Amino acid sequence: MDIKIKQQTRFDARLSKEQKLLFEKAAYLGGYRSLTDFVVLTVQEKAKEIIKAKEQIIASEKDGQIFFDAVTKSSKPSKILQDALKDYNTFISNSK
């Protein structure tokens, strides 16, 4: 039997009375069991959104760099690419 033990830690935050009332109201209206559940689940969801967005930006920047390098760092086309160009040019000239 494989038992997983979750380690827990504590997080404390100081809130104004207005913030606490606002959060409690949102938790109640949202159907959360407690203010803690509301805060933890809401912050967890937002954290995942932020991480996903940043990781997409990083991946996008990497893809951009790969594309830029491919365009700017010229290398001789492969035999397959040269043959494909010849086939394309033949096709175009026969289509006219």
PDB file of N, CA and C in Angstrom:
ATOM      1  N   MET A   1       0.841  -1.177   0.000  1.00  0.00           N
ATOM      2  CA  MET A   1       0.000   0.000   0.000  1.00  0.00           C
ATOM      3  C   MET A   1       0.886   1.240   0.000  1.00  0.00           C
ATOM      4  N   ASP A   2       0.653   2.116  -0.983  1.00  0.00           N
ATOM      5  CA  ASP A   2       1.456   3.326  -1.139  1.00  0.00           C
ATOM      6  C   ASP A   2       0.725   4.498  -0.492  1.00  0.00           C
ATOM      7  N   ILE A   3       1.262   5.020   0.586  1.00  0.00           N
ATOM      8  CA  ILE A   3       0.626   6.125   1.298  1.00  0.00           C
ATOM      9  C   ILE A   3       1.403   7.398   1.022  1.00  0.00           C
ATOM     10  N   LYS A   4       0.669   8.401   0.554  1.00  0.00           N
ATOM     11  CA  LYS A   4       1.298   9.697   0.302  1.00  0.00           C
ATOM     12  C   LYS A   4       0.983  10.621   1.473  1.00  0.00           C
ATOM     13  N   ILE A   5       2.009  11.210   2.005  1.00  0.00           N
ATOM     14  CA  ILE A   5       1.841  12.137   3.120  1.00  0.00           C
ATOM     15  C   ILE A   5       2.037  13.545   2.593  1.00  0.00           C
ATOM     16  N   LYS A   6       1.017  14.356   2.779  1.00  0.00           N
ATOM     17  CA  LYS A   6       1.114  15.748   2.335  1.00  0.00           C
ATOM     18  C   LYS A   6       1.735  16.576   3.455  1.00  0.00           C
ATOM     19  N   GLN A   7       2.768  17.275   3.085  1.00  0.00           N
ATOM     20  CA  GLN A   7       3.343  18.200   4.051  1.00  0.00           C
ATOM     21  C   GLN A   7       2.611  19.523   3.928  1.00  0.00           C
ATOM     22  N   GLN A   8       2.270  20.095   5.026  1.00  0.00           N
ATOM     23  CA  GLN A   8       1.559  21.361   5.000  1.00  0.00           C
ATOM     24  C   GLN A   8       2.397  22.439   5.665  1.00  0.00           C
ATOM     25  N   THR A   9       2.127  23.638   5.261  1.00  0.00           N
ATOM     26  CA  THR A   9       2.789  24.790   5.841  1.00  0.00           C
ATOM     27  C   THR A   9       1.746  25.863   6.073  1.00  0.00           C
ATOM     28  N   ARG A  10       2.085  26.823   6.827  1.00  0.00           N
ATOM     29  CA  ARG A  10       1.128  27.868   7.189  1.00  0.00           C
ATOM     30  C   ARG A  10       1.452  29.148   6.437  1.00  0.00           C
ATOM     31  N   PHE A  11       0.404  29.869   6.077  1.00  0.00           N
ATOM     32  CA  PHE A  11       0.542  31.168   5.419  1.00  0.00           C
ATOM     33  C   PHE A  11      -0.354  32.155   6.159  1.00  0.00           C
ATOM     34  N   ASP A  12       0.226  33.225   6.640  1.00  0.00           N
ATOM     35  CA  ASP A  12      -0.547  34.249   7.361  1.00  0.00           C
ATOM     36  C   ASP A  12      -0.523  35.538   6.562  1.00  0.00           C
ATOM     37  N   ALA A  13      -1.629  36.248   6.615  1.00  0.00           N
ATOM     38  CA  ALA A  13      -1.698  37.544   5.943  1.00  0.00           C
ATOM     39  C   ALA A  13      -2.526  38.495   6.788  1.00  0.00           C
ATOM     40  N   ARG A  14      -2.114  39.724   6.824  1.00  0.00           N
ATOM     41  CA  ARG A  14      -2.890  40.752   7.527  1.00  0.00           C
ATOM     42  C   ARG A  14      -3.843  41.391   6.530  1.00  0.00           C
ATOM     43  N   LEU A  15      -5.095  41.516   6.928  1.00  0.00           N
ATOM     44  CA  LEU A  15      -6.127  42.119   6.090  1.00  0.00           C
ATOM     45  C   LEU A  15      -6.791  43.254   6.831  1.00  0.00           C
ATOM     46  N   SER A  16      -7.275  44.188   6.056  1.00  0.00           N
ATOM     47  CA  SER A  16      -8.120  45.204   6.689  1.00  0.00           C
ATOM     48  C   SER A  16      -9.471  44.543   6.969  1.00  0.00           C
ATOM     49  N   LYS A  17     -10.261  45.151   7.846  1.00  0.00           N
ATOM     50  CA  LYS A  17     -11.590  44.606   8.142  1.00  0.00           C
ATOM     51  C   LYS A  17     -12.438  44.568   6.875  1.00  0.00           C
ATOM     52  N   GLU A  18     -12.290  45.588   6.036  1.00  0.00           N
ATOM     53  CA  GLU A  18     -13.061  45.651   4.798  1.00  0.00           C
ATOM     54  C   GLU A  18     -12.694  44.496   3.862  1.00  0.00           C
ATOM     55  N   GLN A  19     -11.411  44.225   3.766  1.00  0.00           N
ATOM     56  CA  GLN A  19     -10.972  43.117   2.911  1.00  0.00           C
ATOM     57  C   GLN A  19     -11.517  41.786   3.422  1.00  0.00           C
ATOM     58  N   LYS A  20     -11.429  41.590   4.730  1.00  0.00           N
ATOM     59  CA  LYS A  20     -11.903  40.329   5.297  1.00  0.00           C
ATOM     60  C   LYS A  20     -13.397  40.163   5.049  1.00  0.00           C
ATOM     61  N   LEU A  21     -14.159  41.205   5.256  1.00  0.00           N
ATOM     62  CA  LEU A  21     -15.606  41.126   5.009  1.00  0.00           C
ATOM     63  C   LEU A  21     -15.890  40.848   3.537  1.00  0.00           C
ATOM     64  N   LEU A  22     -15.174  41.505   2.669  1.00  0.00           N
ATOM     65  CA  LEU A  22     -15.346  41.286   1.230  1.00  0.00           C
ATOM     66  C   LEU A  22     -15.036  39.840   0.857  1.00  0.00           C
ATOM     67  N   PHE A  23     -13.923  39.328   1.355  1.00  0.00           N
ATOM     68  CA  PHE A  23     -13.523  37.952   1.056  1.00  0.00           C
ATOM     69  C   PHE A  23     -14.512  36.947   1.640  1.00  0.00           C
ATOM     70  N   GLU A  24     -14.975  37.210   2.843  1.00  0.00           N
ATOM     71  CA  GLU A  24     -15.954  36.312   3.463  1.00  0.00           C
ATOM     72  C   GLU A  24     -17.256  36.290   2.667  1.00  0.00           C
ATOM     73  N   LYS A  25     -17.689  37.447   2.222  1.00  0.00           N
ATOM     74  CA  LYS A  25     -18.914  37.522   1.425  1.00  0.00           C
ATOM     75  C   LYS A  25     -18.747  36.744   0.121  1.00  0.00           C
ATOM     76  N   ALA A  26     -17.610  36.940  -0.544  1.00  0.00           N
ATOM     77  CA  ALA A  26     -17.342  36.230  -1.795  1.00  0.00           C
ATOM     78  C   ALA A  26     -17.289  34.718  -1.562  1.00  0.00           C
ATOM     79  N   ALA A  27     -16.672  34.312  -0.465  1.00  0.00           N
ATOM     80  CA  ALA A  27     -16.582  32.884  -0.147  1.00  0.00           C
ATOM     81  C   ALA A  27     -17.977  32.305   0.081  1.00  0.00           C
ATOM     82  N   TYR A  28     -18.790  33.027   0.813  1.00  0.00           N
ATOM     83  CA  TYR A  28     -20.159  32.579   1.094  1.00  0.00           C
ATOM     84  C   TYR A  28     -20.975  32.496  -0.202  1.00  0.00           C
ATOM     85  N   LEU A  29     -20.935  33.572  -0.987  1.00  0.00           N
ATOM     86  CA  LEU A  29     -21.710  33.606  -2.226  1.00  0.00           C
ATOM     87  C   LEU A  29     -21.191  32.597  -3.259  1.00  0.00           C
ATOM     88  N   GLY A  30     -19.906  32.312  -3.194  1.00  0.00           N
ATOM     89  CA  GLY A  30     -19.308  31.355  -4.122  1.00  0.00           C
ATOM     90  C   GLY A  30     -19.506  29.905  -3.707  1.00  0.00           C
ATOM     91  N   GLY A  31     -20.073  29.704  -2.531  1.00  0.00           N
ATOM     92  CA  GLY A  31     -20.340  28.341  -2.069  1.00  0.00           C
ATOM     93  C   GLY A  31     -19.129  27.618  -1.499  1.00  0.00           C
ATOM     94  N   TYR A  32     -18.136  28.365  -1.100  1.00  0.00           N
ATOM     95  CA  TYR A  32     -16.957  27.744  -0.504  1.00  0.00           C
ATOM     96  C   TYR A  32     -17.254  27.365   0.939  1.00  0.00           C
ATOM     97  N   ARG A  33     -16.580  26.320   1.429  1.00  0.00           N
ATOM     98  CA  ARG A  33     -16.823  25.855   2.800  1.00  0.00           C
ATOM     99  C   ARG A  33     -16.314  26.832   3.847  1.00  0.00           C
ATOM    100  N   SER A  34     -15.266  27.551   3.494  1.00  0.00           N
ATOM    101  CA  SER A  34     -14.668  28.473   4.464  1.00  0.00           C
ATOM    102  C   SER A  34     -13.908  29.567   3.732  1.00  0.00           C
ATOM    103  N   LEU A  35     -13.548  30.586   4.482  1.00  0.00           N
ATOM    104  CA  LEU A  35     -12.729  31.659   3.922  1.00  0.00           C
ATOM    105  C   LEU A  35     -11.371  31.101   3.483  1.00  0.00           C
ATOM    106  N   THR A  36     -10.833  30.188   4.264  1.00  0.00           N
ATOM    107  CA  THR A  36      -9.551  29.574   3.908  1.00  0.00           C
ATOM    108  C   THR A  36      -9.644  28.840   2.576  1.00  0.00           C
ATOM    109  N   ASP A  37     -10.700  28.037   2.395  1.00  0.00           N
ATOM    110  CA  ASP A  37     -10.875  27.333   1.120  1.00  0.00           C
ATOM    111  C   ASP A  37     -10.958  28.325  -0.035  1.00  0.00           C
ATOM    112  N   PHE A  38     -11.738  29.386   0.168  1.00  0.00           N
ATOM    113  CA  PHE A  38     -11.887  30.401  -0.879  1.00  0.00           C
ATOM    114  C   PHE A  38     -10.537  31.008  -1.240  1.00  0.00           C
ATOM    115  N   VAL A  39      -9.797  31.438  -0.245  1.00  0.00           N
ATOM    116  CA  VAL A  39      -8.518  32.104  -0.492  1.00  0.00           C
ATOM    117  C   VAL A  39      -7.529  31.139  -1.147  1.00  0.00           C
ATOM    118  N   VAL A  40      -7.381  29.963  -0.593  1.00  0.00           N
ATOM    119  CA  VAL A  40      -6.399  29.013  -1.115  1.00  0.00           C
ATOM    120  C   VAL A  40      -6.745  28.604  -2.543  1.00  0.00           C
ATOM    121  N   LEU A  41      -8.001  28.246  -2.789  1.00  0.00           N
ATOM    122  CA  LEU A  41      -8.383  27.792  -4.130  1.00  0.00           C
ATOM    123  C   LEU A  41      -8.324  28.921  -5.154  1.00  0.00           C
ATOM    124  N   THR A  42      -8.714  30.119  -4.755  1.00  0.00           N
ATOM    125  CA  THR A  42      -8.680  31.256  -5.671  1.00  0.00           C
ATOM    126  C   THR A  42      -7.244  31.636  -6.012  1.00  0.00           C
ATOM    127  N   VAL A  43      -6.398  31.683  -5.000  1.00  0.00           N
ATOM    128  CA  VAL A  43      -4.992  32.026  -5.232  1.00  0.00           C
ATOM    129  C   VAL A  43      -4.304  30.928  -6.048  1.00  0.00           C
ATOM    130  N   GLN A  44      -4.635  29.676  -5.775  1.00  0.00           N
ATOM    131  CA  GLN A  44      -4.049  28.568  -6.532  1.00  0.00           C
ATOM    132  C   GLN A  44      -4.427  28.659  -8.005  1.00  0.00           C
ATOM    133  N   GLU A  45      -5.688  28.951  -8.277  1.00  0.00           N
ATOM    134  CA  GLU A  45      -6.148  29.082  -9.670  1.00  0.00           C
ATOM    135  C   GLU A  45      -5.431  30.237 -10.365  1.00  0.00           C
ATOM    136  N   LYS A  46      -5.323  31.362  -9.694  1.00  0.00           N
ATOM    137  CA  LYS A  46      -4.651  32.525 -10.280  1.00  0.00           C
ATOM    138  C   LYS A  46      -3.167  32.234 -10.500  1.00  0.00           C
ATOM    139  N   ALA A  47      -2.548  31.530  -9.562  1.00  0.00           N
ATOM    140  CA  ALA A  47      -1.132  31.179  -9.704  1.00  0.00           C
ATOM    141  C   ALA A  47      -0.916  30.312 -10.942  1.00  0.00           C
ATOM    142  N   LYS A  48      -1.797  29.344 -11.155  1.00  0.00           N
ATOM    143  CA  LYS A  48      -1.681  28.476 -12.332  1.00  0.00           C
ATOM    144  C   LYS A  48      -1.846  29.279 -13.615  1.00  0.00           C
ATOM    145  N   GLU A  49      -2.783  30.235 -13.630  1.00  0.00           N
ATOM    146  CA  GLU A  49      -2.985  31.083 -14.812  1.00  0.00           C
ATOM    147  C   GLU A  49      -1.724  31.886 -15.127  1.00  0.00           C
ATOM    148  N   ILE A  50      -1.151  32.490 -14.103  1.00  0.00           N
ATOM    149  CA  ILE A  50       0.053  33.309 -14.288  1.00  0.00           C
ATOM    150  C   ILE A  50       1.209  32.457 -14.806  1.00  0.00           C
ATOM    151  N   ILE A  51       1.413  31.301 -14.195  1.00  0.00           N
ATOM    152  CA  ILE A  51       2.508  30.418 -14.605  1.00  0.00           C
ATOM    153  C   ILE A  51       2.306  29.963 -16.045  1.00  0.00           C
ATOM    154  N   LYS A  52       1.092  29.571 -16.392  1.00  0.00           N
ATOM    155  CA  LYS A  52       0.806  29.121 -17.757  1.00  0.00           C
ATOM    156  C   LYS A  52       1.082  30.234 -18.768  1.00  0.00           C
ATOM    157  N   ALA A  53       0.626  31.443 -18.463  1.00  0.00           N
ATOM    158  CA  ALA A  53       0.839  32.572 -19.372  1.00  0.00           C
ATOM    159  C   ALA A  53       2.330  32.866 -19.543  1.00  0.00           C
ATOM    160  N   LYS A  54       3.068  32.871 -18.455  1.00  0.00           N
ATOM    161  CA  LYS A  54       4.507  33.161 -18.528  1.00  0.00           C
ATOM    162  C   LYS A  54       5.250  32.058 -19.265  1.00  0.00           C
ATOM    163  N   GLU A  55       4.862  30.800 -19.040  1.00  0.00           N
ATOM    164  CA  GLU A  55       5.518  29.702 -19.733  1.00  0.00           C
ATOM    165  C   GLU A  55       5.238  29.758 -21.231  1.00  0.00           C
ATOM    166  N   GLN A  56       4.041  30.194 -21.611  1.00  0.00           N
ATOM    167  CA  GLN A  56       3.726  30.350 -23.032  1.00  0.00           C
ATOM    168  C   GLN A  56       4.573  31.451 -23.654  1.00  0.00           C
ATOM    169  N   ILE A  57       4.772  32.531 -22.917  1.00  0.00           N
ATOM    170  CA  ILE A  57       5.607  33.627 -23.413  1.00  0.00           C
ATOM    171  C   ILE A  57       7.041  33.141 -23.591  1.00  0.00           C
ATOM    172  N   ILE A  58       7.539  32.401 -22.616  1.00  0.00           N
ATOM    173  CA  ILE A  58       8.907  31.884 -22.699  1.00  0.00           C
ATOM    174  C   ILE A  58       9.039  30.943 -23.885  1.00  0.00           C
ATOM    175  N   ALA A  59       8.066  30.045 -24.071  1.00  0.00           N
ATOM    176  CA  ALA A  59       8.098  29.118 -25.209  1.00  0.00           C
ATOM    177  C   ALA A  59       8.026  29.891 -26.513  1.00  0.00           C
ATOM    178  N   SER A  60       7.187  30.915 -26.538  1.00  0.00           N
ATOM    179  CA  SER A  60       7.028  31.730 -27.731  1.00  0.00           C
ATOM    180  C   SER A  60       8.329  32.465 -28.063  1.00  0.00           C
ATOM    181  N   GLU A  61       8.992  32.976 -27.044  1.00  0.00           N
ATOM    182  CA  GLU A  61      10.276  33.645 -27.261  1.00  0.00           C
ATOM    183  C   GLU A  61      11.315  32.658 -27.785  1.00  0.00           C
ATOM    184  N   LYS A  62      11.295  31.435 -27.251  1.00  0.00           N
ATOM    185  CA  LYS A  62      12.224  30.405 -27.731  1.00  0.00           C
ATOM    186  C   LYS A  62      11.954  30.088 -29.192  1.00  0.00           C
ATOM    187  N   ASP A  63      10.667  29.914 -29.539  1.00  0.00           N
ATOM    188  CA  ASP A  63      10.289  29.640 -30.928  1.00  0.00           C
ATOM    189  C   ASP A  63      10.718  30.787 -31.835  1.00  0.00           C
ATOM    190  N   GLY A  64      10.545  32.008 -31.349  1.00  0.00           N
ATOM    191  CA  GLY A  64      10.957  33.175 -32.125  1.00  0.00           C
ATOM    192  C   GLY A  64      12.453  33.177 -32.380  1.00  0.00           C
ATOM    193  N   GLN A  65      13.210  32.817 -31.366  1.00  0.00           N
ATOM    194  CA  GLN A  65      14.674  32.774 -31.518  1.00  0.00           C
ATOM    195  C   GLN A  65      15.080  31.680 -32.495  1.00  0.00           C
ATOM    196  N   ILE A  66      14.424  30.537 -32.414  1.00  0.00           N
ATOM    197  CA  ILE A  66      14.723  29.440 -33.344  1.00  0.00           C
ATOM    198  C   ILE A  66      14.427  29.882 -34.779  1.00  0.00           C
ATOM    199  N   PHE A  67      13.270  30.514 -34.989  1.00  0.00           N
ATOM    200  CA  PHE A  67      12.896  30.994 -36.314  1.00  0.00           C
ATOM    201  C   PHE A  67      13.892  32.044 -36.807  1.00  0.00           C
ATOM    202  N   PHE A  68      14.219  33.011 -35.937  1.00  0.00           N
ATOM    203  CA  PHE A  68      15.159  34.069 -36.301  1.00  0.00           C
ATOM    204  C   PHE A  68      16.505  33.476 -36.699  1.00  0.00           C
ATOM    205  N   ASP A  69      16.987  32.514 -35.919  1.00  0.00           N
ATOM    206  CA  ASP A  69      18.266  31.879 -36.229  1.00  0.00           C
ATOM    207  C   ASP A  69      18.201  31.146 -37.567  1.00  0.00           C
ATOM    208  N   ALA A  70      17.078  30.483 -37.828  1.00  0.00           N
ATOM    209  CA  ALA A  70      16.934  29.747 -39.087  1.00  0.00           C
ATOM    210  C   ALA A  70      16.943  30.688 -40.282  1.00  0.00           C
ATOM    211  N   VAL A  71      16.349  31.866 -40.112  1.00  0.00           N
ATOM    212  CA  VAL A  71      16.283  32.830 -41.214  1.00  0.00           C
ATOM    213  C   VAL A  71      17.608  33.558 -41.398  1.00  0.00           C
ATOM    214  N   THR A  72      18.243  33.935 -40.312  1.00  0.00           N
ATOM    215  CA  THR A  72      19.441  34.769 -40.411  1.00  0.00           C
ATOM    216  C   THR A  72      20.740  33.986 -40.548  1.00  0.00           C
ATOM    217  N   LYS A  73      20.755  32.774 -40.084  1.00  0.00           N
ATOM    218  CA  LYS A  73      21.976  31.976 -40.185  1.00  0.00           C
ATOM    219  C   LYS A  73      21.845  31.072 -41.397  1.00  0.00           C
ATOM    220  N   SER A  74      22.311  31.615 -42.513  1.00  0.00           N
ATOM    221  CA  SER A  74      22.121  30.878 -43.765  1.00  0.00           C
ATOM    222  C   SER A  74      22.999  29.634 -43.784  1.00  0.00           C
ATOM    223  N   SER A  75      22.387  28.584 -44.261  1.00  0.00           N
ATOM    224  CA  SER A  75      23.136  27.360 -44.508  1.00  0.00           C
ATOM    225  C   SER A  75      22.681  26.831 -45.858  1.00  0.00           C
ATOM    226  N   LYS A  76      23.482  26.035 -46.454  1.00  0.00           N
ATOM    227  CA  LYS A  76      23.174  25.518 -47.787  1.00  0.00           C
ATOM    228  C   LYS A  76      21.940  24.614 -47.696  1.00  0.00           C
ATOM    229  N   PRO A  77      20.980  24.817 -48.607  1.00  0.00           N
ATOM    230  CA  PRO A  77      19.792  23.966 -48.603  1.00  0.00           C
ATOM    231  C   PRO A  77      20.169  22.509 -48.850  1.00  0.00           C
ATOM    232  N   SER A  78      19.438  21.619 -48.224  1.00  0.00           N
ATOM    233  CA  SER A  78      19.700  20.185 -48.399  1.00  0.00           C
ATOM    234  C   SER A  78      19.300  19.751 -49.809  1.00  0.00           C
ATOM    235  N   LYS A  79      19.744  18.582 -50.197  1.00  0.00           N
ATOM    236  CA  LYS A  79      19.408  18.019 -51.515  1.00  0.00           C
ATOM    237  C   LYS A  79      17.890  17.873 -51.652  1.00  0.00           C
ATOM    238  N   ILE A  80      17.236  17.454 -50.601  1.00  0.00           N
ATOM    239  CA  ILE A  80      15.782  17.286 -50.631  1.00  0.00           C
ATOM    240  C   ILE A  80      15.096  18.626 -50.882  1.00  0.00           C
ATOM    241  N   LEU A  81      15.575  19.669 -50.215  1.00  0.00           N
ATOM    242  CA  LEU A  81      14.990  20.994 -50.395  1.00  0.00           C
ATOM    243  C   LEU A  81      15.258  21.527 -51.806  1.00  0.00           C
ATOM    244  N   GLN A  82      16.451  21.294 -52.323  1.00  0.00           N
ATOM    245  CA  GLN A  82      16.771  21.720 -53.690  1.00  0.00           C
ATOM    246  C   GLN A  82      15.883  21.001 -54.705  1.00  0.00           C
ATOM    247  N   ASP A  83      15.677  19.693 -54.508  1.00  0.00           N
ATOM    248  CA  ASP A  83      14.804  18.927 -55.396  1.00  0.00           C
ATOM    249  C   ASP A  83      13.364  19.413 -55.311  1.00  0.00           C
ATOM    250  N   ALA A  84      12.936  19.741 -54.117  1.00  0.00           N
ATOM    251  CA  ALA A  84      11.572  20.238 -53.942  1.00  0.00           C
ATOM    252  C   ALA A  84      11.397  21.563 -54.676  1.00  0.00           C
ATOM    253  N   LEU A  85      12.390  22.427 -54.637  1.00  0.00           N
ATOM    254  CA  LEU A  85      12.327  23.698 -55.359  1.00  0.00           C
ATOM    255  C   LEU A  85      12.259  23.454 -56.869  1.00  0.00           C
ATOM    256  N   LYS A  86      13.057  22.538 -57.372  1.00  0.00           N
ATOM    257  CA  LYS A  86      13.022  22.208 -58.808  1.00  0.00           C
ATOM    258  C   LYS A  86      11.635  21.692 -59.193  1.00  0.00           C
ATOM    259  N   ASP A  87      11.081  20.793 -58.371  1.00  0.00           N
ATOM    260  CA  ASP A  87       9.742  20.253 -58.641  1.00  0.00           C
ATOM    261  C   ASP A  87       8.694  21.363 -58.636  1.00  0.00           C
ATOM    262  N   TYR A  88       8.809  22.265 -57.684  1.00  0.00           N
ATOM    263  CA  TYR A  88       7.868  23.380 -57.579  1.00  0.00           C
ATOM    264  C   TYR A  88       7.965  24.273 -58.821  1.00  0.00           C
ATOM    265  N   ASN A  89       9.188  24.626 -59.195  1.00  0.00           N
ATOM    266  CA  ASN A  89       9.386  25.497 -60.383  1.00  0.00           C
ATOM    267  C   ASN A  89       8.863  24.826 -61.644  1.00  0.00           C
ATOM    268  N   THR A  90       9.078  23.528 -61.770  1.00  0.00           N
ATOM    269  CA  THR A  90       8.559  22.780 -62.934  1.00  0.00           C
ATOM    270  C   THR A  90       7.038  22.813 -62.924  1.00  0.00           C
ATOM    271  N   PHE A  91       6.446  22.585 -61.788  1.00  0.00           N
ATOM    272  CA  PHE A  91       4.990  22.612 -61.651  1.00  0.00           C
ATOM    273  C   PHE A  91       4.414  23.967 -62.038  1.00  0.00           C
ATOM    274  N   ILE A  92       5.044  25.043 -61.535  1.00  0.00           N
ATOM    275  CA  ILE A  92       4.579  26.406 -61.821  1.00  0.00           C
ATOM    276  C   ILE A  92       4.700  26.719 -63.298  1.00  0.00           C
ATOM    277  N   SER A  93       5.833  26.381 -63.904  1.00  0.00           N
ATOM    278  CA  SER A  93       6.023  26.691 -65.317  1.00  0.00           C
ATOM    279  C   SER A  93       5.094  25.874 -66.218  1.00  0.00           C
ATOM    280  N   ASN A  94       4.722  24.676 -65.808  1.00  0.00           N
ATOM    281  CA  ASN A  94       3.774  23.855 -66.578  1.00  0.00           C
ATOM    282  C   ASN A  94       2.331  24.305 -66.381  1.00  0.00           C
ATOM    283  N   SER A  95       2.063  25.035 -65.313  1.00  0.00           N
ATOM    284  CA  SER A  95       0.697  25.512 -65.025  1.00  0.00           C
ATOM    285  C   SER A  95       0.324  26.728 -65.843  1.00  0.00           C
ATOM    286  N   LYS A  96       1.311  27.395 -66.426  1.00  0.00           N
ATOM    287  CA  LYS A  96       1.050  28.646 -67.160  1.00  0.00           C
ATOM    288  C   LYS A  96       0.560  28.419 -68.538  1.00  0.00           C
TER     289      LYS A  96
END
